[in-house]
Structure formats: C-alpha cells, structure tokens
Amino acid sequence: NKYSYLPDISVIVCLCLMIYLIFVHLPKQKVVHAYYIPEKYQVHLTTYQIFCHIVSVYILLIYLRSLLLLLTSVPDPSPKCQQIIGKQPLSFFKIDYMYVLKQSISGFPEITCGDMIFSGHTLIYMITGMSYHTYFKQVPFYNLTKIFVFIFCGISSFSLIVTHMHYTIDVILACLFSIFIWIGTHNQKIFLIQ
C-alpha cells in the first residue's frame, strides 16, 4: 500500500504533541486533579505527576498488549505479511521469540507480522487525545486545540484500518483498553506522588 507510512508519521506527530503538552504547556499553568471537585479540595498536579501518569498508563497498556499478543493469533491483513507468512494465523509455537524481543528492544522493527490484537499505534493516539482532554487548559465551550488533537487521533486510527495495518477490532480494543485504564488510573494515589 502506497500510504502505509501514514500511521507511523501520525505516531511521530502524536509524540511531538505530547512533548509540547508536557514540557511547554503544562509548566505555564496550574493543573487540578479533577475539575468536578469543589475548588477548596482540589489538588494541584505537578508536571512530574502528570508525566508519571501518562507513562504509567502507557506501560500498563504495553504489558496488556504483550500478554494478548501471546494469547491471540489472527492472520495479518497487510499484503507484505501475507506474502511472508501466508494467510494463516501464526502458531504460538512457531514464533521466533528471540527475534521478536530483539525487534521490540530496537524500537524500530523491520517488519512485524501477526502482532494484531491490539494496535500499539492506537494506544499512542488515544493516550495523546486523553492527555489533551484531561490536562490541557480548561476553556469553557470549545477549545480548538483539543478538537484538532481529537480529530487528528481519530483520522490516524482510521488510517490504520484503511492501510490494512490492523483490523477494525484491533483499533476498537485499543481504544477501549486505553480509556478504561486511563480512567481507572487517573484517580489513583500511586500516580499522584507528592
């Protein structure tokens, strides 16, 4: 597919958006833990606490993804992968785990096939969107930056399906797991180190 590079470029843009949020935008404002709590009980978060929350959510999601990659196997929708491994799912016992480990540690795998359930690209898109939703300056009514980030993340997630990098269920599961873990960890004291 001639547009298969789009999801990877979207990940780079999302990482740049996160760097801007954490290191440029957040130090200039007071961020409260939850806006629905009365003002006298609000806890103001530091940039470090917010960074810890974002990284912790990403680590939890990667652990969950790693577990599901070992437990599930579906045929890869990518034409390149179908040429390499065929249209059959990879068997748990036929995977070269040392190769997978080397590729995952390098950070830039040559080509990955069979790592479908669930989308790692979508995790980054969702964490970016939820970070902006939760921590970007609260403005009544509409905030154009948040709207832009949500539209960008939505289009990026859709591009994974259009370019045949992932199945629809991969993207939907990544969205659901991201939302549940984000909400579940947002109010936990472990991420709000004083």
N, C-alpha and C. Protein backbone atom coordinates (compact mmCIF):
# COMPACT_ATOMS: atom_id res chain seq x y z
N ASN A 1 0.84 -1.18 0.00
CA ASN A 1 0.00 0.00 0.00
C ASN A 1 0.89 1.24 0.00
N LYS A 2 0.61 2.17 -0.89
CA LYS A 2 1.49 3.33 -1.03
C LYS A 2 1.34 4.33 0.12
N TYR A 3 0.31 4.20 0.96
CA TYR A 3 0.12 5.11 2.10
C TYR A 3 0.41 4.43 3.43
N SER A 4 1.13 3.34 3.43
CA SER A 4 1.38 2.60 4.67
C SER A 4 2.28 3.35 5.65
N TYR A 5 2.91 4.41 5.22
CA TYR A 5 3.77 5.20 6.11
C TYR A 5 2.96 6.18 6.96
N LEU A 6 1.69 6.46 6.62
CA LEU A 6 0.89 7.45 7.33
C LEU A 6 0.74 7.17 8.82
N PRO A 7 0.42 5.93 9.25
CA PRO A 7 0.30 5.70 10.70
C PRO A 7 1.58 5.97 11.47
N ASP A 8 2.72 5.66 10.87
CA ASP A 8 4.00 5.91 11.56
C ASP A 8 4.27 7.41 11.68
N ILE A 9 3.94 8.18 10.66
CA ILE A 9 4.10 9.63 10.73
C ILE A 9 3.15 10.20 11.79
N SER A 10 1.95 9.64 11.88
CA SER A 10 0.98 10.08 12.89
C SER A 10 1.50 9.84 14.30
N VAL A 11 2.20 8.73 14.51
CA VAL A 11 2.78 8.45 15.83
C VAL A 11 3.83 9.51 16.17
N ILE A 12 4.66 9.88 15.20
CA ILE A 12 5.67 10.91 15.44
C ILE A 12 5.02 12.24 15.78
N VAL A 13 3.95 12.59 15.06
CA VAL A 13 3.22 13.84 15.36
C VAL A 13 2.63 13.78 16.76
N CYS A 14 2.05 12.63 17.14
CA CYS A 14 1.48 12.49 18.49
C CYS A 14 2.55 12.63 19.56
N LEU A 15 3.71 12.07 19.33
CA LEU A 15 4.80 12.21 20.30
C LEU A 15 5.24 13.67 20.41
N CYS A 16 5.26 14.40 19.30
CA CYS A 16 5.59 15.83 19.34
C CYS A 16 4.52 16.60 20.10
N LEU A 17 3.25 16.25 19.90
CA LEU A 17 2.16 16.89 20.65
C LEU A 17 2.30 16.64 22.15
N MET A 18 2.71 15.41 22.52
CA MET A 18 2.89 15.08 23.94
C MET A 18 4.06 15.86 24.53
N ILE A 19 5.14 16.00 23.79
CA ILE A 19 6.29 16.77 24.27
C ILE A 19 5.88 18.22 24.49
N TYR A 20 5.11 18.77 23.56
CA TYR A 20 4.62 20.14 23.73
C TYR A 20 3.75 20.25 24.98
N LEU A 21 2.83 19.33 25.14
CA LEU A 21 1.92 19.38 26.29
C LEU A 21 2.69 19.31 27.61
N ILE A 22 3.60 18.35 27.72
CA ILE A 22 4.28 18.10 28.99
C ILE A 22 5.34 19.16 29.30
N PHE A 23 6.14 19.52 28.31
CA PHE A 23 7.29 20.37 28.60
C PHE A 23 7.10 21.86 28.27
N VAL A 24 6.08 22.21 27.48
CA VAL A 24 5.87 23.61 27.14
C VAL A 24 4.58 24.15 27.76
N HIS A 25 3.48 23.45 27.55
CA HIS A 25 2.18 23.95 28.00
C HIS A 25 1.96 23.80 29.50
N LEU A 26 2.20 22.62 30.04
CA LEU A 26 1.88 22.35 31.45
C LEU A 26 2.66 23.20 32.44
N PRO A 27 3.96 23.44 32.24
CA PRO A 27 4.67 24.28 33.23
C PRO A 27 4.11 25.69 33.36
N LYS A 28 3.33 26.16 32.37
CA LYS A 28 2.79 27.51 32.39
C LYS A 28 1.44 27.62 33.11
N GLN A 29 0.85 26.52 33.52
CA GLN A 29 -0.49 26.58 34.11
C GLN A 29 -0.59 25.70 35.34
N LYS A 30 -1.61 25.95 36.13
CA LYS A 30 -1.93 25.10 37.28
C LYS A 30 -2.92 24.04 36.79
N VAL A 31 -2.59 22.79 37.01
CA VAL A 31 -3.47 21.70 36.62
C VAL A 31 -4.06 21.11 37.88
N VAL A 32 -5.36 20.96 37.88
CA VAL A 32 -6.00 20.36 39.05
C VAL A 32 -6.29 18.90 38.77
N HIS A 33 -6.39 18.13 39.84
CA HIS A 33 -6.59 16.69 39.71
C HIS A 33 -7.93 16.37 39.07
N ALA A 34 -8.99 17.04 39.50
CA ALA A 34 -10.31 16.79 38.93
C ALA A 34 -11.13 18.07 39.02
N TYR A 35 -11.68 18.50 37.90
CA TYR A 35 -12.40 19.77 37.88
C TYR A 35 -13.78 19.67 38.52
N TYR A 36 -14.29 18.48 38.73
CA TYR A 36 -15.61 18.32 39.33
C TYR A 36 -15.56 18.39 40.85
N ILE A 37 -14.38 18.45 41.44
CA ILE A 37 -14.23 18.55 42.89
C ILE A 37 -14.29 20.04 43.27
N PRO A 38 -14.96 20.40 44.36
CA PRO A 38 -15.00 21.81 44.77
C PRO A 38 -13.60 22.39 44.91
N GLU A 39 -13.46 23.68 44.59
CA GLU A 39 -12.14 24.30 44.49
C GLU A 39 -11.29 24.18 45.75
N LYS A 40 -11.90 24.27 46.91
CA LYS A 40 -11.09 24.21 48.14
C LYS A 40 -10.48 22.83 48.39
N TYR A 41 -11.00 21.79 47.73
CA TYR A 41 -10.47 20.43 47.89
C TYR A 41 -9.60 19.97 46.72
N GLN A 42 -9.42 20.81 45.72
CA GLN A 42 -8.67 20.41 44.54
C GLN A 42 -7.18 20.26 44.85
N VAL A 43 -6.58 19.27 44.23
CA VAL A 43 -5.14 19.03 44.36
C VAL A 43 -4.48 19.50 43.08
N HIS A 44 -3.50 20.37 43.19
CA HIS A 44 -2.78 20.84 42.00
C HIS A 44 -1.65 19.86 41.68
N LEU A 45 -1.60 19.48 40.43
CA LEU A 45 -0.62 18.49 39.99
C LEU A 45 0.62 19.16 39.42
N THR A 46 1.74 18.52 39.64
CA THR A 46 2.98 19.00 39.03
C THR A 46 3.14 18.34 37.67
N THR A 47 4.01 18.90 36.87
CA THR A 47 4.31 18.32 35.56
C THR A 47 4.85 16.91 35.73
N TYR A 48 5.64 16.69 36.76
CA TYR A 48 6.20 15.36 37.02
C TYR A 48 5.09 14.34 37.31
N GLN A 49 4.08 14.72 38.08
CA GLN A 49 2.98 13.81 38.39
C GLN A 49 2.19 13.46 37.13
N ILE A 50 1.98 14.45 36.30
CA ILE A 50 1.25 14.20 35.05
C ILE A 50 2.08 13.31 34.13
N PHE A 51 3.36 13.58 34.02
CA PHE A 51 4.25 12.75 33.22
C PHE A 51 4.22 11.30 33.73
N CYS A 52 4.28 11.12 35.06
CA CYS A 52 4.22 9.76 35.64
C CYS A 52 2.92 9.07 35.30
N HIS A 53 1.82 9.80 35.33
CA HIS A 53 0.53 9.19 34.98
C HIS A 53 0.51 8.73 33.53
N ILE A 54 0.95 9.59 32.63
CA ILE A 54 0.93 9.25 31.20
C ILE A 54 1.82 8.04 30.92
N VAL A 55 3.03 8.05 31.45
CA VAL A 55 3.97 6.94 31.23
C VAL A 55 3.46 5.66 31.88
N SER A 56 2.88 5.76 33.05
CA SER A 56 2.35 4.56 33.74
C SER A 56 1.22 3.93 32.95
N VAL A 57 0.34 4.76 32.41
CA VAL A 57 -0.75 4.22 31.59
C VAL A 57 -0.19 3.52 30.36
N TYR A 58 0.80 4.13 29.71
CA TYR A 58 1.40 3.51 28.53
C TYR A 58 2.05 2.18 28.89
N ILE A 59 2.77 2.12 30.00
CA ILE A 59 3.43 0.87 30.42
C ILE A 59 2.39 -0.21 30.71
N LEU A 60 1.33 0.13 31.42
CA LEU A 60 0.27 -0.86 31.70
C LEU A 60 -0.35 -1.38 30.41
N LEU A 61 -0.60 -0.48 29.47
CA LEU A 61 -1.19 -0.91 28.20
C LEU A 61 -0.23 -1.78 27.38
N ILE A 62 1.06 -1.48 27.42
CA ILE A 62 2.03 -2.31 26.70
C ILE A 62 2.11 -3.70 27.32
N TYR A 63 2.07 -3.78 28.66
CA TYR A 63 2.05 -5.10 29.32
C TYR A 63 0.81 -5.89 28.90
N LEU A 64 -0.34 -5.22 28.90
CA LEU A 64 -1.57 -5.90 28.49
C LEU A 64 -1.48 -6.33 27.03
N ARG A 65 -0.93 -5.47 26.18
CA ARG A 65 -0.79 -5.82 24.77
C ARG A 65 0.15 -7.02 24.59
N SER A 66 1.25 -7.03 25.34
CA SER A 66 2.19 -8.15 25.25
C SER A 66 1.52 -9.45 25.64
N LEU A 67 0.73 -9.43 26.69
CA LEU A 67 0.01 -10.63 27.12
C LEU A 67 -0.97 -11.09 26.04
N LEU A 68 -1.72 -10.16 25.47
CA LEU A 68 -2.68 -10.54 24.44
C LEU A 68 -2.01 -10.99 23.15
N LEU A 69 -0.84 -10.45 22.84
CA LEU A 69 -0.12 -10.92 21.65
C LEU A 69 0.28 -12.38 21.80
N LEU A 70 0.63 -12.77 23.01
CA LEU A 70 1.00 -14.16 23.24
C LEU A 70 -0.21 -15.09 23.21
N LEU A 71 -1.36 -14.57 23.63
CA LEU A 71 -2.55 -15.41 23.75
C LEU A 71 -3.42 -15.46 22.51
N THR A 72 -3.26 -14.50 21.61
CA THR A 72 -4.11 -14.45 20.41
C THR A 72 -3.25 -14.52 19.17
N SER A 73 -3.82 -15.01 18.11
CA SER A 73 -3.14 -15.05 16.83
C SER A 73 -4.18 -14.97 15.73
N VAL A 74 -4.10 -13.91 14.96
CA VAL A 74 -5.01 -13.74 13.83
C VAL A 74 -4.17 -13.50 12.58
N PRO A 75 -4.71 -13.82 11.40
CA PRO A 75 -3.96 -13.55 10.17
C PRO A 75 -3.70 -12.05 10.02
N ASP A 76 -2.57 -11.71 9.50
CA ASP A 76 -2.21 -10.30 9.33
C ASP A 76 -2.87 -9.75 8.07
N PRO A 77 -3.53 -8.57 8.13
CA PRO A 77 -4.20 -8.02 6.94
C PRO A 77 -3.24 -7.37 5.94
N SER A 78 -2.00 -7.14 6.33
CA SER A 78 -1.04 -6.47 5.46
C SER A 78 -0.64 -7.38 4.29
N PRO A 79 -0.67 -6.86 3.07
CA PRO A 79 -0.25 -7.68 1.92
C PRO A 79 1.20 -8.16 2.04
N LYS A 80 2.11 -7.33 2.62
CA LYS A 80 3.50 -7.75 2.80
C LYS A 80 3.57 -8.97 3.70
N CYS A 81 2.82 -8.94 4.79
CA CYS A 81 2.86 -10.05 5.75
C CYS A 81 2.21 -11.29 5.17
N GLN A 82 1.18 -11.12 4.36
CA GLN A 82 0.54 -12.29 3.76
C GLN A 82 1.49 -12.98 2.79
N GLN A 83 2.39 -12.22 2.16
CA GLN A 83 3.40 -12.83 1.30
C GLN A 83 4.44 -13.58 2.12
N ILE A 84 4.78 -13.03 3.31
CA ILE A 84 5.82 -13.63 4.14
C ILE A 84 5.32 -14.88 4.87
N ILE A 85 4.19 -14.76 5.57
CA ILE A 85 3.73 -15.86 6.41
C ILE A 85 2.46 -16.54 5.93
N GLY A 86 1.87 -16.04 4.85
CA GLY A 86 0.63 -16.62 4.36
C GLY A 86 -0.57 -16.04 5.08
N LYS A 87 -1.73 -16.58 4.76
CA LYS A 87 -2.97 -16.05 5.34
C LYS A 87 -3.38 -16.78 6.61
N GLN A 88 -2.57 -17.69 7.07
CA GLN A 88 -2.88 -18.43 8.29
C GLN A 88 -2.35 -17.67 9.50
N PRO A 89 -3.05 -17.77 10.65
CA PRO A 89 -2.51 -17.15 11.86
C PRO A 89 -1.21 -17.85 12.28
N LEU A 90 -0.35 -17.08 12.93
CA LEU A 90 0.89 -17.65 13.44
C LEU A 90 0.59 -18.55 14.63
N SER A 91 1.21 -19.69 14.67
CA SER A 91 1.06 -20.57 15.82
C SER A 91 1.96 -20.07 16.95
N PHE A 92 1.49 -20.25 18.17
CA PHE A 92 2.23 -19.84 19.36
C PHE A 92 3.62 -20.47 19.37
N PHE A 93 3.72 -21.70 18.87
CA PHE A 93 4.97 -22.45 18.93
C PHE A 93 5.89 -22.16 17.74
N LYS A 94 5.39 -21.47 16.70
CA LYS A 94 6.20 -21.18 15.52
C LYS A 94 6.82 -19.78 15.55
N ILE A 95 6.56 -19.02 16.60
CA ILE A 95 7.07 -17.66 16.67
C ILE A 95 8.51 -17.69 17.19
N ASP A 96 9.39 -16.96 16.53
CA ASP A 96 10.78 -16.82 16.97
C ASP A 96 10.82 -15.70 18.02
N TYR A 97 10.71 -16.07 19.29
CA TYR A 97 10.58 -15.09 20.36
C TYR A 97 11.84 -14.26 20.56
N MET A 98 13.00 -14.80 20.29
CA MET A 98 14.23 -14.02 20.40
C MET A 98 14.26 -12.91 19.34
N TYR A 99 13.79 -13.23 18.14
CA TYR A 99 13.71 -12.22 17.09
C TYR A 99 12.72 -11.11 17.49
N VAL A 100 11.57 -11.51 18.02
CA VAL A 100 10.56 -10.55 18.46
C VAL A 100 11.13 -9.66 19.56
N LEU A 101 11.85 -10.25 20.50
CA LEU A 101 12.45 -9.48 21.60
C LEU A 101 13.48 -8.49 21.06
N LYS A 102 14.33 -8.93 20.14
CA LYS A 102 15.34 -8.04 19.57
C LYS A 102 14.68 -6.87 18.83
N GLN A 103 13.63 -7.18 18.08
CA GLN A 103 12.93 -6.14 17.33
C GLN A 103 12.24 -5.14 18.27
N SER A 104 11.64 -5.64 19.34
CA SER A 104 10.93 -4.74 20.25
C SER A 104 11.89 -3.87 21.05
N ILE A 105 13.07 -4.40 21.37
CA ILE A 105 14.06 -3.61 22.10
C ILE A 105 14.67 -2.55 21.19
N SER A 106 14.84 -2.87 19.91
CA SER A 106 15.45 -1.90 19.00
C SER A 106 14.58 -0.68 18.80
N GLY A 107 13.26 -0.82 18.95
CA GLY A 107 12.36 0.32 18.80
C GLY A 107 11.93 0.58 17.37
N PHE A 108 12.68 0.10 16.40
CA PHE A 108 12.34 0.30 15.00
C PHE A 108 12.37 -1.04 14.28
N PRO A 109 11.33 -1.85 14.43
CA PRO A 109 11.33 -3.15 13.79
C PRO A 109 11.29 -3.04 12.27
N GLU A 110 11.92 -4.02 11.63
CA GLU A 110 11.95 -4.04 10.17
C GLU A 110 10.52 -4.19 9.64
N ILE A 111 9.91 -5.29 9.95
CA ILE A 111 8.52 -5.52 9.59
C ILE A 111 7.96 -6.48 10.63
N THR A 112 6.82 -6.14 11.14
CA THR A 112 6.21 -7.00 12.15
C THR A 112 4.95 -7.61 11.55
N CYS A 113 4.80 -8.88 11.72
CA CYS A 113 3.63 -9.59 11.22
C CYS A 113 3.01 -10.38 12.36
N GLY A 114 1.70 -10.33 12.43
CA GLY A 114 1.00 -11.14 13.42
C GLY A 114 0.79 -10.45 14.75
N ASP A 115 1.28 -9.23 14.92
CA ASP A 115 1.07 -8.54 16.20
C ASP A 115 -0.18 -7.66 16.09
N MET A 116 -1.32 -8.32 16.03
CA MET A 116 -2.56 -7.62 15.73
C MET A 116 -3.32 -7.16 16.97
N ILE A 117 -3.60 -8.05 17.88
CA ILE A 117 -4.52 -7.73 18.99
C ILE A 117 -3.72 -7.14 20.12
N PHE A 118 -3.74 -5.97 20.38
CA PHE A 118 -4.42 -4.81 19.83
C PHE A 118 -3.40 -3.80 19.35
N SER A 119 -3.84 -2.74 18.70
CA SER A 119 -2.97 -1.80 18.00
C SER A 119 -2.13 -0.92 18.94
N GLY A 120 -0.83 -1.01 18.80
CA GLY A 120 0.08 -0.16 19.56
C GLY A 120 0.05 1.28 19.07
N HIS A 121 -0.17 1.48 17.76
CA HIS A 121 -0.30 2.84 17.23
C HIS A 121 -1.49 3.54 17.89
N THR A 122 -2.61 2.83 17.96
CA THR A 122 -3.82 3.44 18.53
C THR A 122 -3.63 3.77 20.00
N LEU A 123 -2.82 2.99 20.71
CA LEU A 123 -2.53 3.32 22.11
C LEU A 123 -1.92 4.72 22.21
N ILE A 124 -0.97 5.00 21.34
CA ILE A 124 -0.32 6.31 21.38
C ILE A 124 -1.30 7.41 20.98
N TYR A 125 -2.13 7.14 19.96
CA TYR A 125 -3.13 8.14 19.58
C TYR A 125 -4.10 8.42 20.73
N MET A 126 -4.57 7.36 21.38
CA MET A 126 -5.54 7.53 22.46
C MET A 126 -4.93 8.22 23.68
N ILE A 127 -3.72 7.85 24.04
CA ILE A 127 -3.08 8.49 25.20
C ILE A 127 -2.86 9.97 24.92
N THR A 128 -2.50 10.31 23.68
CA THR A 128 -2.35 11.72 23.32
C THR A 128 -3.67 12.45 23.45
N GLY A 129 -4.73 11.88 22.90
CA GLY A 129 -6.04 12.52 22.98
C GLY A 129 -6.54 12.67 24.41
N MET A 130 -6.37 11.62 25.22
CA MET A 130 -6.83 11.69 26.61
C MET A 130 -5.98 12.63 27.44
N SER A 131 -4.69 12.73 27.14
CA SER A 131 -3.83 13.68 27.85
C SER A 131 -4.27 15.11 27.58
N TYR A 132 -4.55 15.40 26.32
CA TYR A 132 -5.03 16.75 26.00
C TYR A 132 -6.40 17.00 26.62
N HIS A 133 -7.26 16.01 26.59
CA HIS A 133 -8.59 16.17 27.19
C HIS A 133 -8.49 16.43 28.69
N THR A 134 -7.62 15.70 29.36
CA THR A 134 -7.54 15.79 30.82
C THR A 134 -6.69 16.96 31.29
N TYR A 135 -5.56 17.21 30.65
CA TYR A 135 -4.59 18.14 31.21
C TYR A 135 -4.42 19.45 30.46
N PHE A 136 -4.94 19.55 29.25
CA PHE A 136 -4.81 20.82 28.53
C PHE A 136 -5.71 21.86 29.18
N LYS A 137 -5.34 23.12 29.10
CA LYS A 137 -6.07 24.19 29.78
C LYS A 137 -7.57 24.08 29.54
N GLN A 138 -8.33 24.13 30.63
CA GLN A 138 -9.79 24.02 30.54
C GLN A 138 -10.38 25.35 30.09
N VAL A 139 -11.08 25.32 28.98
CA VAL A 139 -11.71 26.52 28.44
C VAL A 139 -13.19 26.22 28.28
N PRO A 140 -14.06 27.12 28.78
CA PRO A 140 -15.49 26.88 28.59
C PRO A 140 -15.84 26.78 27.11
N PHE A 141 -16.84 25.99 26.81
CA PHE A 141 -17.34 25.76 25.47
C PHE A 141 -16.31 25.01 24.62
N TYR A 142 -15.70 25.61 23.64
CA TYR A 142 -14.86 24.86 22.71
C TYR A 142 -13.39 25.25 22.84
N ASN A 143 -12.55 24.28 22.69
CA ASN A 143 -11.12 24.52 22.70
C ASN A 143 -10.58 23.95 21.39
N LEU A 144 -10.15 24.82 20.51
CA LEU A 144 -9.75 24.38 19.16
C LEU A 144 -8.57 23.42 19.17
N THR A 145 -7.65 23.58 20.11
CA THR A 145 -6.51 22.67 20.17
C THR A 145 -6.98 21.26 20.49
N LYS A 146 -7.86 21.13 21.48
CA LYS A 146 -8.38 19.80 21.84
C LYS A 146 -9.14 19.18 20.67
N ILE A 147 -9.95 19.98 20.01
CA ILE A 147 -10.72 19.49 18.86
C ILE A 147 -9.77 19.00 17.77
N PHE A 148 -8.72 19.79 17.48
CA PHE A 148 -7.74 19.39 16.47
C PHE A 148 -7.08 18.06 16.85
N VAL A 149 -6.67 17.93 18.13
CA VAL A 149 -5.99 16.70 18.57
C VAL A 149 -6.94 15.51 18.45
N PHE A 150 -8.19 15.65 18.85
CA PHE A 150 -9.14 14.54 18.74
C PHE A 150 -9.40 14.15 17.30
N ILE A 151 -9.57 15.13 16.43
CA ILE A 151 -9.79 14.82 15.01
C ILE A 151 -8.56 14.14 14.41
N PHE A 152 -7.38 14.65 14.74
CA PHE A 152 -6.14 14.06 14.24
C PHE A 152 -6.00 12.61 14.71
N CYS A 153 -6.26 12.36 16.00
CA CYS A 153 -6.14 11.00 16.53
C CYS A 153 -7.18 10.06 15.92
N GLY A 154 -8.38 10.58 15.68
CA GLY A 154 -9.42 9.76 15.04
C GLY A 154 -9.06 9.39 13.62
N ILE A 155 -8.58 10.37 12.85
CA ILE A 155 -8.17 10.10 11.47
C ILE A 155 -6.97 9.15 11.44
N SER A 156 -6.05 9.33 12.37
CA SER A 156 -4.88 8.44 12.43
C SER A 156 -5.30 7.01 12.72
N SER A 157 -6.24 6.83 13.66
CA SER A 157 -6.73 5.48 13.98
C SER A 157 -7.43 4.87 12.76
N PHE A 158 -8.21 5.68 12.07
CA PHE A 158 -8.90 5.19 10.88
C PHE A 158 -7.90 4.81 9.79
N SER A 159 -6.77 5.54 9.71
CA SER A 159 -5.77 5.24 8.68
C SER A 159 -5.15 3.85 8.88
N LEU A 160 -5.12 3.38 10.13
CA LEU A 160 -4.61 2.02 10.38
C LEU A 160 -5.46 0.97 9.68
N ILE A 161 -6.76 1.20 9.67
CA ILE A 161 -7.68 0.25 9.05
C ILE A 161 -7.61 0.36 7.53
N VAL A 162 -7.60 1.61 7.03
CA VAL A 162 -7.58 1.84 5.59
C VAL A 162 -6.30 1.31 4.95
N THR A 163 -5.17 1.44 5.64
CA THR A 163 -3.90 0.97 5.08
C THR A 163 -3.66 -0.52 5.33
N HIS A 164 -4.62 -1.20 5.92
CA HIS A 164 -4.55 -2.64 6.20
C HIS A 164 -3.42 -3.00 7.16
N MET A 165 -3.09 -2.08 8.06
CA MET A 165 -2.09 -2.41 9.09
C MET A 165 -2.75 -3.15 10.24
N HIS A 166 -4.04 -2.88 10.48
CA HIS A 166 -4.77 -3.52 11.57
C HIS A 166 -6.21 -3.77 11.16
N TYR A 167 -6.81 -4.72 11.85
CA TYR A 167 -8.25 -4.96 11.71
C TYR A 167 -9.00 -3.91 12.52
N THR A 168 -10.27 -3.75 12.22
CA THR A 168 -11.11 -2.82 12.96
C THR A 168 -11.16 -3.18 14.44
N ILE A 169 -11.25 -4.46 14.75
CA ILE A 169 -11.34 -4.90 16.14
C ILE A 169 -10.07 -4.54 16.92
N ASP A 170 -8.91 -4.55 16.26
CA ASP A 170 -7.65 -4.16 16.91
C ASP A 170 -7.70 -2.71 17.38
N VAL A 171 -8.20 -1.85 16.51
CA VAL A 171 -8.28 -0.42 16.82
C VAL A 171 -9.33 -0.18 17.91
N ILE A 172 -10.48 -0.85 17.80
CA ILE A 172 -11.54 -0.67 18.80
C ILE A 172 -11.08 -1.16 20.17
N LEU A 173 -10.43 -2.33 20.22
CA LEU A 173 -9.94 -2.84 21.50
C LEU A 173 -8.89 -1.91 22.11
N ALA A 174 -8.01 -1.37 21.28
CA ALA A 174 -7.00 -0.44 21.80
C ALA A 174 -7.67 0.80 22.38
N CYS A 175 -8.70 1.30 21.70
CA CYS A 175 -9.44 2.46 22.23
C CYS A 175 -10.09 2.13 23.56
N LEU A 176 -10.76 1.00 23.63
CA LEU A 176 -11.46 0.63 24.88
C LEU A 176 -10.49 0.41 26.03
N PHE A 177 -9.43 -0.37 25.79
CA PHE A 177 -8.46 -0.61 26.86
C PHE A 177 -7.81 0.70 27.32
N SER A 178 -7.49 1.57 26.37
CA SER A 178 -6.87 2.85 26.72
C SER A 178 -7.78 3.69 27.60
N ILE A 179 -9.04 3.77 27.22
CA ILE A 179 -9.99 4.57 28.00
C ILE A 179 -10.17 3.98 29.39
N PHE A 180 -10.37 2.67 29.48
CA PHE A 180 -10.59 2.04 30.79
C PHE A 180 -9.38 2.19 31.71
N ILE A 181 -8.19 1.97 31.18
CA ILE A 181 -7.00 2.09 32.03
C ILE A 181 -6.74 3.55 32.38
N TRP A 182 -6.97 4.47 31.46
CA TRP A 182 -6.79 5.89 31.76
C TRP A 182 -7.72 6.31 32.91
N ILE A 183 -8.99 5.97 32.78
CA ILE A 183 -9.96 6.34 33.82
C ILE A 183 -9.64 5.63 35.13
N GLY A 184 -9.29 4.36 35.05
CA GLY A 184 -9.00 3.58 36.25
C GLY A 184 -7.78 4.06 37.01
N THR A 185 -6.80 4.60 36.30
CA THR A 185 -5.58 5.04 36.97
C THR A 185 -5.59 6.53 37.29
N HIS A 186 -6.49 7.28 36.71
CA HIS A 186 -6.47 8.74 36.87
C HIS A 186 -6.65 9.16 38.33
N ASN A 187 -7.48 8.48 39.07
CA ASN A 187 -7.75 8.88 40.45
C ASN A 187 -6.94 8.12 41.48
N GLN A 188 -6.01 7.30 41.03
CA GLN A 188 -5.23 6.51 41.97
C GLN A 188 -4.10 7.33 42.58
N LYS A 189 -3.90 7.17 43.87
CA LYS A 189 -2.85 7.92 44.59
C LYS A 189 -1.44 7.54 44.13
N ILE A 190 -1.27 6.34 43.58
CA ILE A 190 0.07 5.90 43.19
C ILE A 190 0.66 6.82 42.12
N PHE A 191 -0.20 7.41 41.29
CA PHE A 191 0.28 8.28 40.21
C PHE A 191 0.33 9.74 40.65
N LEU A 192 -0.09 10.02 41.86
CA LEU A 192 -0.12 11.39 42.35
C LEU A 192 0.89 11.57 43.47
N ILE A 193 2.12 11.19 43.20
CA ILE A 193 3.18 11.25 44.20
C ILE A 193 3.41 12.71 44.59
N GLN A 194 3.40 12.98 45.89
CA GLN A 194 3.59 14.37 46.36
C GLN A 194 5.06 14.68 46.48
